[in-house]
Amino acid sequence: VNGKQLLPNGPAVFTDTVNLERGQLMDTFINITQSWSKGYLIVNGIMIGRYWPDAGPQFTHYIPGVWLKKGANTITLIELQSHEASPNSVYFTNTPYID
């Protein structure tokens, strides 16, 4: 899949948390870089949508600020095909990225 190794055991779930302060609870975008192949994005238990950066053109998903909370926020990716580990492969940004 675009030079990436397929996941050896099939689909995989990746979860992490990000701690936010009250002043950071605003509308934002999550950028899912091309280190990921195809899957689903879930934030705080809310299904945000599908991602497929290898196909494009959308690389960011809109997250309304009301869906974020003060303290720990959980970001989950259900990757269906492949993933190459890289720093900052998922990050918040204030602008959408559509190629």
C-alpha atoms as a PDB file:
ATOM      1  CA  VAL A   1       0.000   0.000   0.000  1.00  0.00           C
ATOM      2  CA  ASN A   2       2.027   2.949  -1.306  1.00  0.00           C
ATOM      3  CA  GLY A   3       5.259   1.340  -0.100  1.00  0.00           C
ATOM      4  CA  LYS A   4       3.964   0.634   3.422  1.00  0.00           C
ATOM      5  CA  GLN A   5       3.887  -2.822   4.962  1.00  0.00           C
ATOM      6  CA  LEU A   6       0.417  -4.240   5.600  1.00  0.00           C
ATOM      7  CA  LEU A   7      -0.401  -4.722   9.272  1.00  0.00           C
ATOM      8  CA  PRO A   8       0.675  -8.315  10.013  1.00  0.00           C
ATOM      9  CA  ASN A   9      -2.293  -9.155  12.236  1.00  0.00           C
ATOM     10  CA  GLY A  10      -4.996  -7.259  10.366  1.00  0.00           C
ATOM     11  CA  PRO A  11      -6.676  -4.043  11.551  1.00  0.00           C
ATOM     12  CA  ALA A  12      -5.216  -2.364  14.643  1.00  0.00           C
ATOM     13  CA  VAL A  13      -6.429   0.158  17.208  1.00  0.00           C
ATOM     14  CA  PHE A  14      -4.170   3.043  18.274  1.00  0.00           C
ATOM     15  CA  THR A  15      -5.257   5.167  21.244  1.00  0.00           C
ATOM     16  CA  ASP A  16      -3.666   8.092  23.050  1.00  0.00           C
ATOM     17  CA  THR A  17      -4.760  10.974  25.237  1.00  0.00           C
ATOM     18  CA  VAL A  18      -4.074  14.676  25.064  1.00  0.00           C
ATOM     19  CA  ASN A  19      -4.623  16.950  28.060  1.00  0.00           C
ATOM     20  CA  LEU A  20      -6.280  20.282  27.325  1.00  0.00           C
ATOM     21  CA  GLU A  21      -6.799  23.367  29.473  1.00  0.00           C
ATOM     22  CA  ARG A  22     -10.080  25.311  29.453  1.00  0.00           C
ATOM     23  CA  GLY A  23      -8.587  27.974  27.140  1.00  0.00           C
ATOM     24  CA  GLN A  24      -7.743  25.303  24.548  1.00  0.00           C
ATOM     25  CA  LEU A  25     -11.316  24.040  24.151  1.00  0.00           C
ATOM     26  CA  MET A  26     -12.081  25.544  20.756  1.00  0.00           C
ATOM     27  CA  ASP A  27     -12.991  24.359  17.284  1.00  0.00           C
ATOM     28  CA  THR A  28     -10.003  22.698  15.644  1.00  0.00           C
ATOM     29  CA  PHE A  29      -8.908  20.218  13.002  1.00  0.00           C
ATOM     30  CA  ILE A  30      -7.027  16.951  13.433  1.00  0.00           C
ATOM     31  CA  ASN A  31      -4.475  16.258  10.708  1.00  0.00           C
ATOM     32  CA  ILE A  32      -3.889  12.606   9.899  1.00  0.00           C
ATOM     33  CA  THR A  33      -0.666  12.475   7.920  1.00  0.00           C
ATOM     34  CA  GLN A  34       0.343  10.081   5.196  1.00  0.00           C
ATOM     35  CA  SER A  35       1.997   7.729   7.698  1.00  0.00           C
ATOM     36  CA  TRP A  36      -1.503   6.239   8.019  1.00  0.00           C
ATOM     37  CA  SER A  37      -3.346   4.380   5.243  1.00  0.00           C
ATOM     38  CA  LYS A  38      -7.073   4.003   5.793  1.00  0.00           C
ATOM     39  CA  GLY A  39      -9.339   3.813   8.816  1.00  0.00           C
ATOM     40  CA  TYR A  40     -11.571   5.575  11.327  1.00  0.00           C
ATOM     41  CA  LEU A  41     -11.010   8.531  13.681  1.00  0.00           C
ATOM     42  CA  ILE A  42     -12.762   8.626  17.075  1.00  0.00           C
ATOM     43  CA  VAL A  43     -12.399  11.495  19.584  1.00  0.00           C
ATOM     44  CA  ASN A  44     -13.772  11.084  23.123  1.00  0.00           C
ATOM     45  CA  GLY A  45     -15.988   8.229  21.948  1.00  0.00           C
ATOM     46  CA  ILE A  46     -17.455  10.257  19.046  1.00  0.00           C
ATOM     47  CA  MET A  47     -16.981   8.832  15.561  1.00  0.00           C
ATOM     48  CA  ILE A  48     -15.511  11.747  13.617  1.00  0.00           C
ATOM     49  CA  GLY A  49     -15.132  10.026  10.257  1.00  0.00           C
ATOM     50  CA  ARG A  50     -13.017   7.952   7.941  1.00  0.00           C
ATOM     51  CA  TYR A  51      -9.530   8.865   6.817  1.00  0.00           C
ATOM     52  CA  TRP A  52      -7.652   7.785   3.722  1.00  0.00           C
ATOM     53  CA  PRO A  53      -4.677  10.098   3.184  1.00  0.00           C
ATOM     54  CA  ASP A  54      -3.177   7.833   0.505  1.00  0.00           C
ATOM     55  CA  ALA A  55      -6.197   8.647  -1.674  1.00  0.00           C
ATOM     56  CA  GLY A  56      -6.815  12.232  -0.461  1.00  0.00           C
ATOM     57  CA  PRO A  57      -7.852  14.908  -0.966  1.00  0.00           C
ATOM     58  CA  GLN A  58      -8.839  15.417   2.700  1.00  0.00           C
ATOM     59  CA  PHE A  59      -6.142  15.167   5.372  1.00  0.00           C
ATOM     60  CA  THR A  60      -7.890  16.990   8.225  1.00  0.00           C
ATOM     61  CA  HIS A  61     -11.099  16.385  10.165  1.00  0.00           C
ATOM     62  CA  TYR A  62     -13.086  19.145  11.844  1.00  0.00           C
ATOM     63  CA  ILE A  63     -13.543  18.796  15.621  1.00  0.00           C
ATOM     64  CA  PRO A  64     -16.069  21.147  17.266  1.00  0.00           C
ATOM     65  CA  GLY A  65     -14.731  22.625  20.497  1.00  0.00           C
ATOM     66  CA  VAL A  66     -17.790  21.407  22.427  1.00  0.00           C
ATOM     67  CA  TRP A  67     -16.667  17.815  21.772  1.00  0.00           C
ATOM     68  CA  LEU A  68     -13.418  18.449  23.667  1.00  0.00           C
ATOM     69  CA  LYS A  69     -13.176  18.623  27.451  1.00  0.00           C
ATOM     70  CA  LYS A  70     -10.858  20.042  30.058  1.00  0.00           C
ATOM     71  CA  GLY A  71      -8.314  17.380  31.042  1.00  0.00           C
ATOM     72  CA  ALA A  72      -7.797  14.090  29.221  1.00  0.00           C
ATOM     73  CA  ASN A  73      -9.203  13.728  25.699  1.00  0.00           C
ATOM     74  CA  THR A  74      -8.951  10.353  23.969  1.00  0.00           C
ATOM     75  CA  ILE A  75      -8.007  10.050  20.309  1.00  0.00           C
ATOM     76  CA  THR A  76      -8.455   6.635  18.707  1.00  0.00           C
ATOM     77  CA  LEU A  77      -7.526   5.522  15.211  1.00  0.00           C
ATOM     78  CA  ILE A  78      -8.729   2.205  13.852  1.00  0.00           C
ATOM     79  CA  GLU A  79      -6.202   1.504  11.103  1.00  0.00           C
ATOM     80  CA  LEU A  80      -7.359  -0.994   8.500  1.00  0.00           C
ATOM     81  CA  GLN A  81      -4.314  -1.404   6.253  1.00  0.00           C
ATOM     82  CA  SER A  82      -0.900  -0.100   7.269  1.00  0.00           C
ATOM     83  CA  HIS A  83       0.952   2.455   9.348  1.00  0.00           C
ATOM     84  CA  GLU A  84       4.498   3.794   9.385  1.00  0.00           C
ATOM     85  CA  ALA A  85       5.516   5.110  12.778  1.00  0.00           C
ATOM     86  CA  SER A  86       6.587   8.740  12.636  1.00  0.00           C
ATOM     87  CA  PRO A  87       6.594  11.695  15.041  1.00  0.00           C
ATOM     88  CA  ASN A  88       3.575  14.000  14.848  1.00  0.00           C
ATOM     89  CA  SER A  89       1.640  11.661  12.571  1.00  0.00           C
ATOM     90  CA  VAL A  90      -1.604  12.952  14.149  1.00  0.00           C
ATOM     91  CA  TYR A  91      -1.838  16.527  15.369  1.00  0.00           C
ATOM     92  CA  PHE A  92      -4.202  19.446  16.000  1.00  0.00           C
ATOM     93  CA  THR A  93      -4.140  22.393  13.596  1.00  0.00           C
ATOM     94  CA  ASN A  94      -6.228  25.543  13.176  1.00  0.00           C
ATOM     95  CA  THR A  95      -6.559  25.232   9.395  1.00  0.00           C
ATOM     96  CA  PRO A  96      -7.918  22.486   7.167  1.00  0.00           C
ATOM     97  CA  TYR A  97      -5.626  20.716   4.731  1.00  0.00           C
ATOM     98  CA  ILE A  98      -7.145  19.522   1.475  1.00  0.00           C
ATOM     99  CA  ASP A  99      -4.840  18.603  -1.385  1.00  0.00           C
END
